[in-house]
Amino acid sequence: YDGLGDFTMDDTGRLSRRAERRVAPFVYSGAA
């Protein structure tokens, strides 16, 4: 994987989308 990631996550696990032109710490792995 060489992308910029998809989400940031707060300490409860709630997700937010990656901000434009930023790298997000987490990428969706295709399982849920």
PDB file of all heavy atoms in Angstrom:
ATOM      1  N   TYR A   1       0.849  -1.197   0.000  1.00  0.00           N
ATOM      2  CA  TYR A   1       0.000   0.000   0.000  1.00  0.00           C
ATOM      3  C   TYR A   1       0.879   1.239   0.000  1.00  0.00           C
ATOM      4  O   TYR A   1       1.776   1.370   0.845  1.00  0.00           O
ATOM      5  CB  TYR A   1      -0.922   0.017   1.222  1.00  0.00           C
ATOM      6  CG  TYR A   1      -1.819   1.232   1.267  1.00  0.00           C
ATOM      7  CD1 TYR A   1      -2.928   1.325   0.422  1.00  0.00           C
ATOM      8  CD2 TYR A   1      -1.557   2.300   2.122  1.00  0.00           C
ATOM      9  CE1 TYR A   1      -3.751   2.442   0.437  1.00  0.00           C
ATOM     10  CE2 TYR A   1      -2.385   3.425   2.147  1.00  0.00           C
ATOM     11  CZ  TYR A   1      -3.475   3.483   1.301  1.00  0.00           C
ATOM     12  OH  TYR A   1      -4.277   4.596   1.318  1.00  0.00           O
ATOM     13  N   ASP A   2       0.604   2.169  -0.916  1.00  0.00           N
ATOM     14  CA  ASP A   2       1.403   3.392  -0.987  1.00  0.00           C
ATOM     15  C   ASP A   2       0.520   4.635  -1.053  1.00  0.00           C
ATOM     16  O   ASP A   2       0.935   5.693  -1.523  1.00  0.00           O
ATOM     17  CB  ASP A   2       2.359   3.359  -2.183  1.00  0.00           C
ATOM     18  CG  ASP A   2       1.638   3.177  -3.518  1.00  0.00           C
ATOM     19  OD1 ASP A   2       0.376   3.134  -3.517  1.00  0.00           O
ATOM     20  OD2 ASP A   2       2.322   3.072  -4.552  1.00  0.00           O
ATOM     21  N   GLY A   3      -0.716   4.524  -0.570  1.00  0.00           N
ATOM     22  CA  GLY A   3      -1.636   5.647  -0.595  1.00  0.00           C
ATOM     23  C   GLY A   3      -1.492   6.544   0.623  1.00  0.00           C
ATOM     24  O   GLY A   3      -0.571   6.391   1.438  1.00  0.00           O
ATOM     25  N   LEU A   4      -2.436   7.480   0.762  1.00  0.00           N
ATOM     26  CA  LEU A   4      -2.392   8.486   1.824  1.00  0.00           C
ATOM     27  C   LEU A   4      -3.261   8.129   3.024  1.00  0.00           C
ATOM     28  O   LEU A   4      -3.382   8.921   3.954  1.00  0.00           O
ATOM     29  CB  LEU A   4      -2.834   9.840   1.266  1.00  0.00           C
ATOM     30  CG  LEU A   4      -1.984  10.412   0.131  1.00  0.00           C
ATOM     31  CD1 LEU A   4      -2.583  11.721  -0.371  1.00  0.00           C
ATOM     32  CD2 LEU A   4      -0.543  10.617   0.585  1.00  0.00           C
ATOM     33  N   GLY A   5      -3.856   6.929   3.007  1.00  0.00           N
ATOM     34  CA  GLY A   5      -4.726   6.535   4.108  1.00  0.00           C
ATOM     35  C   GLY A   5      -6.142   7.024   3.916  1.00  0.00           C
ATOM     36  O   GLY A   5      -6.449   7.781   2.988  1.00  0.00           O
ATOM     37  N   ASP A   6      -7.034   6.605   4.818  1.00  0.00           N
ATOM     38  CA  ASP A   6      -8.451   6.924   4.696  1.00  0.00           C
ATOM     39  C   ASP A   6      -9.015   7.685   5.899  1.00  0.00           C
ATOM     40  O   ASP A   6      -9.840   8.578   5.723  1.00  0.00           O
ATOM     41  CB  ASP A   6      -9.277   5.638   4.547  1.00  0.00           C
ATOM     42  CG  ASP A   6      -8.930   4.858   3.300  1.00  0.00           C
ATOM     43  OD1 ASP A   6      -8.780   5.486   2.234  1.00  0.00           O
ATOM     44  OD2 ASP A   6      -8.804   3.619   3.388  1.00  0.00           O
ATOM     45  N   PHE A   7      -8.585   7.308   7.121  1.00  0.00           N
ATOM     46  CA  PHE A   7      -9.271   7.790   8.311  1.00  0.00           C
ATOM     47  C   PHE A   7      -8.309   8.193   9.426  1.00  0.00           C
ATOM     48  O   PHE A   7      -7.198   7.660   9.546  1.00  0.00           O
ATOM     49  CB  PHE A   7     -10.175   6.687   8.890  1.00  0.00           C
ATOM     50  CG  PHE A   7     -11.291   6.248   7.981  1.00  0.00           C
ATOM     51  CD1 PHE A   7     -11.206   5.054   7.283  1.00  0.00           C
ATOM     52  CD2 PHE A   7     -12.428   7.025   7.831  1.00  0.00           C
ATOM     53  CE1 PHE A   7     -12.236   4.634   6.452  1.00  0.00           C
ATOM     54  CE2 PHE A   7     -13.469   6.621   7.000  1.00  0.00           C
ATOM     55  CZ  PHE A   7     -13.367   5.425   6.315  1.00  0.00           C
ATOM     56  N   THR A   8      -8.802   9.109  10.245  1.00  0.00           N
ATOM     57  CA  THR A   8      -8.248   9.308  11.578  1.00  0.00           C
ATOM     58  C   THR A   8      -9.269   8.736  12.561  1.00  0.00           C
ATOM     59  O   THR A   8     -10.454   8.583  12.245  1.00  0.00           O
ATOM     60  CB  THR A   8      -8.013  10.797  11.880  1.00  0.00           C
ATOM     61  OG1 THR A   8      -9.263  11.503  11.756  1.00  0.00           O
ATOM     62  CG2 THR A   8      -7.009  11.396  10.907  1.00  0.00           C
ATOM     63  N   MET A   9      -8.811   8.416  13.775  1.00  0.00           N
ATOM     64  CA  MET A   9      -9.658   7.749  14.755  1.00  0.00           C
ATOM     65  C   MET A   9      -9.438   8.384  16.121  1.00  0.00           C
ATOM     66  O   MET A   9      -8.297   8.571  16.544  1.00  0.00           O
ATOM     67  CB  MET A   9      -9.316   6.249  14.788  1.00  0.00           C
ATOM     68  CG  MET A   9     -10.146   5.424  15.742  1.00  0.00           C
ATOM     69  SD  MET A   9     -10.039   3.630  15.417  1.00  0.00           S
ATOM     70  CE  MET A   9      -8.259   3.340  15.472  1.00  0.00           C
ATOM     71  N   ASP A  10     -10.538   8.727  16.818  1.00  0.00           N
ATOM     72  CA  ASP A  10     -10.378   9.308  18.156  1.00  0.00           C
ATOM     73  C   ASP A  10     -10.239   8.202  19.199  1.00  0.00           C
ATOM     74  O   ASP A  10     -10.219   7.016  18.856  1.00  0.00           O
ATOM     75  CB  ASP A  10     -11.513  10.285  18.473  1.00  0.00           C
ATOM     76  CG  ASP A  10     -12.866   9.608  18.707  1.00  0.00           C
ATOM     77  OD1 ASP A  10     -12.919   8.376  18.891  1.00  0.00           O
ATOM     78  OD2 ASP A  10     -13.895  10.314  18.706  1.00  0.00           O
ATOM     79  N   ASP A  11     -10.137   8.579  20.465  1.00  0.00           N
ATOM     80  CA  ASP A  11      -9.840   7.566  21.480  1.00  0.00           C
ATOM     81  C   ASP A  11     -11.026   6.677  21.807  1.00  0.00           C
ATOM     82  O   ASP A  11     -10.896   5.706  22.562  1.00  0.00           O
ATOM     83  CB  ASP A  11      -9.289   8.217  22.762  1.00  0.00           C
ATOM     84  CG  ASP A  11     -10.253   9.224  23.380  1.00  0.00           C
ATOM     85  OD1 ASP A  11     -11.381   9.378  22.858  1.00  0.00           O
ATOM     86  OD2 ASP A  11      -9.881   9.846  24.386  1.00  0.00           O
ATOM     87  N   THR A  12     -12.204   6.962  21.226  1.00  0.00           N
ATOM     88  CA  THR A  12     -13.340   6.051  21.364  1.00  0.00           C
ATOM     89  C   THR A  12     -13.474   5.128  20.161  1.00  0.00           C
ATOM     90  O   THR A  12     -14.332   4.251  20.139  1.00  0.00           O
ATOM     91  CB  THR A  12     -14.663   6.831  21.524  1.00  0.00           C
ATOM     92  OG1 THR A  12     -15.014   7.433  20.279  1.00  0.00           O
ATOM     93  CG2 THR A  12     -14.546   7.882  22.617  1.00  0.00           C
ATOM     94  N   GLY A  13     -12.637   5.354  19.135  1.00  0.00           N
ATOM     95  CA  GLY A  13     -12.727   4.570  17.913  1.00  0.00           C
ATOM     96  C   GLY A  13     -13.585   5.190  16.836  1.00  0.00           C
ATOM     97  O   GLY A  13     -13.712   4.639  15.741  1.00  0.00           O
ATOM     98  N   ARG A  14     -14.177   6.352  17.109  1.00  0.00           N
ATOM     99  CA  ARG A  14     -15.020   7.018  16.118  1.00  0.00           C
ATOM    100  C   ARG A  14     -14.125   7.588  15.009  1.00  0.00           C
ATOM    101  O   ARG A  14     -13.060   8.131  15.283  1.00  0.00           O
ATOM    102  CB  ARG A  14     -15.849   8.108  16.787  1.00  0.00           C
ATOM    103  CG  ARG A  14     -16.992   8.621  15.939  1.00  0.00           C
ATOM    104  CD  ARG A  14     -17.903   9.552  16.732  1.00  0.00           C
ATOM    105  NE  ARG A  14     -18.988   8.814  17.379  1.00  0.00           N
ATOM    106  CZ  ARG A  14     -19.126   8.679  18.691  1.00  0.00           C
ATOM    107  NH1 ARG A  14     -18.235   9.210  19.516  1.00  0.00           N
ATOM    108  NH2 ARG A  14     -20.149   8.015  19.182  1.00  0.00           N
ATOM    109  N   LEU A  15     -14.594   7.467  13.763  1.00  0.00           N
ATOM    110  CA  LEU A  15     -13.748   7.798  12.616  1.00  0.00           C
ATOM    111  C   LEU A  15     -14.076   9.150  11.997  1.00  0.00           C
ATOM    112  O   LEU A  15     -15.217   9.619  12.034  1.00  0.00           O
ATOM    113  CB  LEU A  15     -13.894   6.719  11.535  1.00  0.00           C
ATOM    114  CG  LEU A  15     -13.477   5.302  11.940  1.00  0.00           C
ATOM    115  CD1 LEU A  15     -13.631   4.360  10.749  1.00  0.00           C
ATOM    116  CD2 LEU A  15     -12.058   5.264  12.481  1.00  0.00           C
ATOM    117  N   SER A  16     -13.038   9.763  11.387  1.00  0.00           N
ATOM    118  CA  SER A  16     -13.167  10.952  10.550  1.00  0.00           C
ATOM    119  C   SER A  16     -12.379  10.715   9.272  1.00  0.00           C
ATOM    120  O   SER A  16     -11.362  10.001   9.278  1.00  0.00           O
ATOM    121  CB  SER A  16     -12.620  12.188  11.264  1.00  0.00           C
ATOM    122  OG  SER A  16     -13.307  12.438  12.473  1.00  0.00           O
ATOM    123  N   ARG A  17     -12.820  11.313   8.184  1.00  0.00           N
ATOM    124  CA  ARG A  17     -12.131  11.167   6.905  1.00  0.00           C
ATOM    125  C   ARG A  17     -10.805  11.931   6.905  1.00  0.00           C
ATOM    126  O   ARG A  17     -10.639  12.937   7.593  1.00  0.00           O
ATOM    127  CB  ARG A  17     -13.008  11.698   5.773  1.00  0.00           C
ATOM    128  CG  ARG A  17     -14.155  10.780   5.393  1.00  0.00           C
ATOM    129  CD  ARG A  17     -13.688   9.592   4.607  1.00  0.00           C
ATOM    130  NE  ARG A  17     -14.813   8.783   4.118  1.00  0.00           N
ATOM    131  CZ  ARG A  17     -14.655   7.633   3.475  1.00  0.00           C
ATOM    132  NH1 ARG A  17     -13.442   7.161   3.244  1.00  0.00           N
ATOM    133  NH2 ARG A  17     -15.702   6.959   3.061  1.00  0.00           N
ATOM    134  N   ARG A  18      -9.887  11.453   6.090  1.00  0.00           N
ATOM    135  CA  ARG A  18      -8.598  12.126   5.898  1.00  0.00           C
ATOM    136  C   ARG A  18      -8.809  13.529   5.350  1.00  0.00           C
ATOM    137  O   ARG A  18      -9.594  13.740   4.429  1.00  0.00           O
ATOM    138  CB  ARG A  18      -7.752  11.304   4.926  1.00  0.00           C
ATOM    139  CG  ARG A  18      -6.428  11.942   4.542  1.00  0.00           C
ATOM    140  CD  ARG A  18      -5.651  11.055   3.584  1.00  0.00           C
ATOM    141  NE  ARG A  18      -6.337  10.853   2.319  1.00  0.00           N
ATOM    142  CZ  ARG A  18      -6.298  11.696   1.301  1.00  0.00           C
ATOM    143  NH1 ARG A  18      -5.592  12.832   1.388  1.00  0.00           N
ATOM    144  NH2 ARG A  18      -6.938  11.433   0.179  1.00  0.00           N
ATOM    145  N   ALA A  19      -8.105  14.479   5.920  1.00  0.00           N
ATOM    146  CA  ALA A  19      -8.162  15.847   5.410  1.00  0.00           C
ATOM    147  C   ALA A  19      -7.433  15.932   4.072  1.00  0.00           C
ATOM    148  O   ALA A  19      -6.463  15.204   3.822  1.00  0.00           O
ATOM    149  CB  ALA A  19      -7.538  16.813   6.411  1.00  0.00           C
ATOM    150  N   GLU A  20      -7.886  16.831   3.219  1.00  0.00           N
ATOM    151  CA  GLU A  20      -7.279  16.994   1.898  1.00  0.00           C
ATOM    152  C   GLU A  20      -5.811  17.378   2.024  1.00  0.00           C
ATOM    153  O   GLU A  20      -5.429  18.166   2.880  1.00  0.00           O
ATOM    154  CB  GLU A  20      -8.032  18.075   1.124  1.00  0.00           C
ATOM    155  CG  GLU A  20      -7.658  18.152  -0.341  1.00  0.00           C
ATOM    156  CD  GLU A  20      -8.514  19.135  -1.113  1.00  0.00           C
ATOM    157  OE1 GLU A  20      -9.468  19.684  -0.529  1.00  0.00           O
ATOM    158  OE2 GLU A  20      -8.209  19.353  -2.302  1.00  0.00           O
ATOM    159  N   ARG A  21      -4.983  16.735   1.182  1.00  0.00           N
ATOM    160  CA  ARG A  21      -3.537  16.957   1.125  1.00  0.00           C
ATOM    161  C   ARG A  21      -2.833  16.554   2.434  1.00  0.00           C
ATOM    162  O   ARG A  21      -1.736  17.021   2.716  1.00  0.00           O
ATOM    163  CB  ARG A  21      -3.210  18.413   0.768  1.00  0.00           C
ATOM    164  CG  ARG A  21      -3.674  18.814  -0.623  1.00  0.00           C
ATOM    165  CD  ARG A  21      -3.140  20.174  -1.024  1.00  0.00           C
ATOM    166  NE  ARG A  21      -3.649  21.231  -0.155  1.00  0.00           N
ATOM    167  CZ  ARG A  21      -4.831  21.833  -0.333  1.00  0.00           C
ATOM    168  NH1 ARG A  21      -5.607  21.475  -1.341  1.00  0.00           N
ATOM    169  NH2 ARG A  21      -5.224  22.779   0.495  1.00  0.00           N
ATOM    170  N   ARG A  22      -3.464  15.709   3.214  1.00  0.00           N
ATOM    171  CA  ARG A  22      -2.857  15.178   4.433  1.00  0.00           C
ATOM    172  C   ARG A  22      -2.739  13.664   4.337  1.00  0.00           C
ATOM    173  O   ARG A  22      -3.438  13.023   3.564  1.00  0.00           O
ATOM    174  CB  ARG A  22      -3.705  15.541   5.654  1.00  0.00           C
ATOM    175  CG  ARG A  22      -3.831  17.036   5.902  1.00  0.00           C
ATOM    176  CD  ARG A  22      -2.533  17.621   6.430  1.00  0.00           C
ATOM    177  NE  ARG A  22      -2.668  19.047   6.729  1.00  0.00           N
ATOM    178  CZ  ARG A  22      -3.072  19.517   7.909  1.00  0.00           C
ATOM    179  NH1 ARG A  22      -3.397  18.682   8.883  1.00  0.00           N
ATOM    180  NH2 ARG A  22      -3.155  20.826   8.113  1.00  0.00           N
ATOM    181  N   VAL A  23      -1.861  13.102   5.146  1.00  0.00           N
ATOM    182  CA  VAL A  23      -1.762  11.647   5.281  1.00  0.00           C
ATOM    183  C   VAL A  23      -2.523  11.244   6.536  1.00  0.00           C
ATOM    184  O   VAL A  23      -2.318  11.819   7.610  1.00  0.00           O
ATOM    185  CB  VAL A  23      -0.292  11.195   5.377  1.00  0.00           C
ATOM    186  CG1 VAL A  23      -0.213   9.690   5.632  1.00  0.00           C
ATOM    187  CG2 VAL A  23       0.465  11.557   4.103  1.00  0.00           C
ATOM    188  N   ALA A  24      -3.436  10.295   6.394  1.00  0.00           N
ATOM    189  CA  ALA A  24      -4.187   9.792   7.541  1.00  0.00           C
ATOM    190  C   ALA A  24      -3.483   8.567   8.108  1.00  0.00           C
ATOM    191  O   ALA A  24      -2.839   7.804   7.365  1.00  0.00           O
ATOM    192  CB  ALA A  24      -5.608   9.436   7.126  1.00  0.00           C
ATOM    193  N   PRO A  25      -3.592   8.308   9.406  1.00  0.00           N
ATOM    194  CA  PRO A  25      -2.858   7.192  10.007  1.00  0.00           C
ATOM    195  C   PRO A  25      -3.408   5.817   9.680  1.00  0.00           C
ATOM    196  O   PRO A  25      -2.691   4.822   9.809  1.00  0.00           O
ATOM    197  CB  PRO A  25      -2.959   7.468  11.518  1.00  0.00           C
ATOM    198  CG  PRO A  25      -4.157   8.342  11.679  1.00  0.00           C
ATOM    199  CD  PRO A  25      -4.252   9.152  10.430  1.00  0.00           C
ATOM    200  N   PHE A  26      -4.679   5.743   9.228  1.00  0.00           N
ATOM    201  CA  PHE A  26      -5.285   4.429   9.025  1.00  0.00           C
ATOM    202  C   PHE A  26      -5.909   4.304   7.644  1.00  0.00           C
ATOM    203  O   PHE A  26      -6.454   5.263   7.090  1.00  0.00           O
ATOM    204  CB  PHE A  26      -6.374   4.169  10.082  1.00  0.00           C
ATOM    205  CG  PHE A  26      -5.843   4.122  11.487  1.00  0.00           C
ATOM    206  CD1 PHE A  26      -6.080   5.167  12.364  1.00  0.00           C
ATOM    207  CD2 PHE A  26      -5.086   3.050  11.926  1.00  0.00           C
ATOM    208  CE1 PHE A  26      -5.588   5.140  13.653  1.00  0.00           C
ATOM    209  CE2 PHE A  26      -4.581   3.007  13.212  1.00  0.00           C
ATOM    210  CZ  PHE A  26      -4.832   4.057  14.082  1.00  0.00           C
ATOM    211  N   VAL A  27      -5.854   3.075   7.117  1.00  0.00           N
ATOM    212  CA  VAL A  27      -6.466   2.748   5.834  1.00  0.00           C
ATOM    213  C   VAL A  27      -7.446   1.599   6.062  1.00  0.00           C
ATOM    214  O   VAL A  27      -7.192   0.691   6.860  1.00  0.00           O
ATOM    215  CB  VAL A  27      -5.386   2.380   4.788  1.00  0.00           C
ATOM    216  CG1 VAL A  27      -4.497   1.234   5.248  1.00  0.00           C
ATOM    217  CG2 VAL A  27      -6.026   2.044   3.443  1.00  0.00           C
ATOM    218  N   TYR A  28      -8.585   1.668   5.386  1.00  0.00           N
ATOM    219  CA  TYR A  28      -9.583   0.604   5.470  1.00  0.00           C
ATOM    220  C   TYR A  28      -9.044  -0.645   4.805  1.00  0.00           C
ATOM    221  O   TYR A  28      -8.605  -0.618   3.661  1.00  0.00           O
ATOM    222  CB  TYR A  28     -10.873   1.072   4.804  1.00  0.00           C
ATOM    223  CG  TYR A  28     -11.946   0.020   4.686  1.00  0.00           C
ATOM    224  CD1 TYR A  28     -12.316  -0.756   5.780  1.00  0.00           C
ATOM    225  CD2 TYR A  28     -12.595  -0.191   3.471  1.00  0.00           C
ATOM    226  CE1 TYR A  28     -13.309  -1.720   5.665  1.00  0.00           C
ATOM    227  CE2 TYR A  28     -13.602  -1.132   3.350  1.00  0.00           C
ATOM    228  CZ  TYR A  28     -13.944  -1.894   4.454  1.00  0.00           C
ATOM    229  OH  TYR A  28     -14.932  -2.862   4.337  1.00  0.00           O
ATOM    230  N   SER A  29      -9.085  -1.763   5.522  1.00  0.00           N
ATOM    231  CA  SER A  29      -8.458  -2.999   5.043  1.00  0.00           C
ATOM    232  C   SER A  29      -9.383  -3.880   4.218  1.00  0.00           C
ATOM    233  O   SER A  29      -8.959  -4.923   3.722  1.00  0.00           O
ATOM    234  CB  SER A  29      -7.963  -3.821   6.245  1.00  0.00           C
ATOM    235  OG  SER A  29      -9.066  -4.375   6.954  1.00  0.00           O
ATOM    236  N   GLY A  30     -10.653  -3.478   4.085  1.00  0.00           N
ATOM    237  CA  GLY A  30     -11.583  -4.305   3.317  1.00  0.00           C
ATOM    238  C   GLY A  30     -12.284  -5.359   4.131  1.00  0.00           C
ATOM    239  O   GLY A  30     -12.800  -6.337   3.577  1.00  0.00           O
ATOM    240  N   ALA A  31     -12.323  -5.204   5.455  1.00  0.00           N
ATOM    241  CA  ALA A  31     -13.078  -6.106   6.326  1.00  0.00           C
ATOM    242  C   ALA A  31     -13.828  -5.266   7.352  1.00  0.00           C
ATOM    243  O   ALA A  31     -13.325  -4.227   7.796  1.00  0.00           O
ATOM    244  CB  ALA A  31     -12.154  -7.099   7.021  1.00  0.00           C
ATOM    245  N   ALA A  32     -15.022  -5.710   7.717  1.00  0.00           N
ATOM    246  CA  ALA A  32     -15.861  -4.901   8.603  1.00  0.00           C
ATOM    247  C   ALA A  32     -16.983  -5.747   9.177  1.00  0.00           C
ATOM    248  O   ALA A  32     -17.236  -6.877   8.724  1.00  0.00           O
ATOM    249  CB  ALA A  32     -16.461  -3.726   7.826  1.00  0.00           C
TER     250      ALA A  32
END
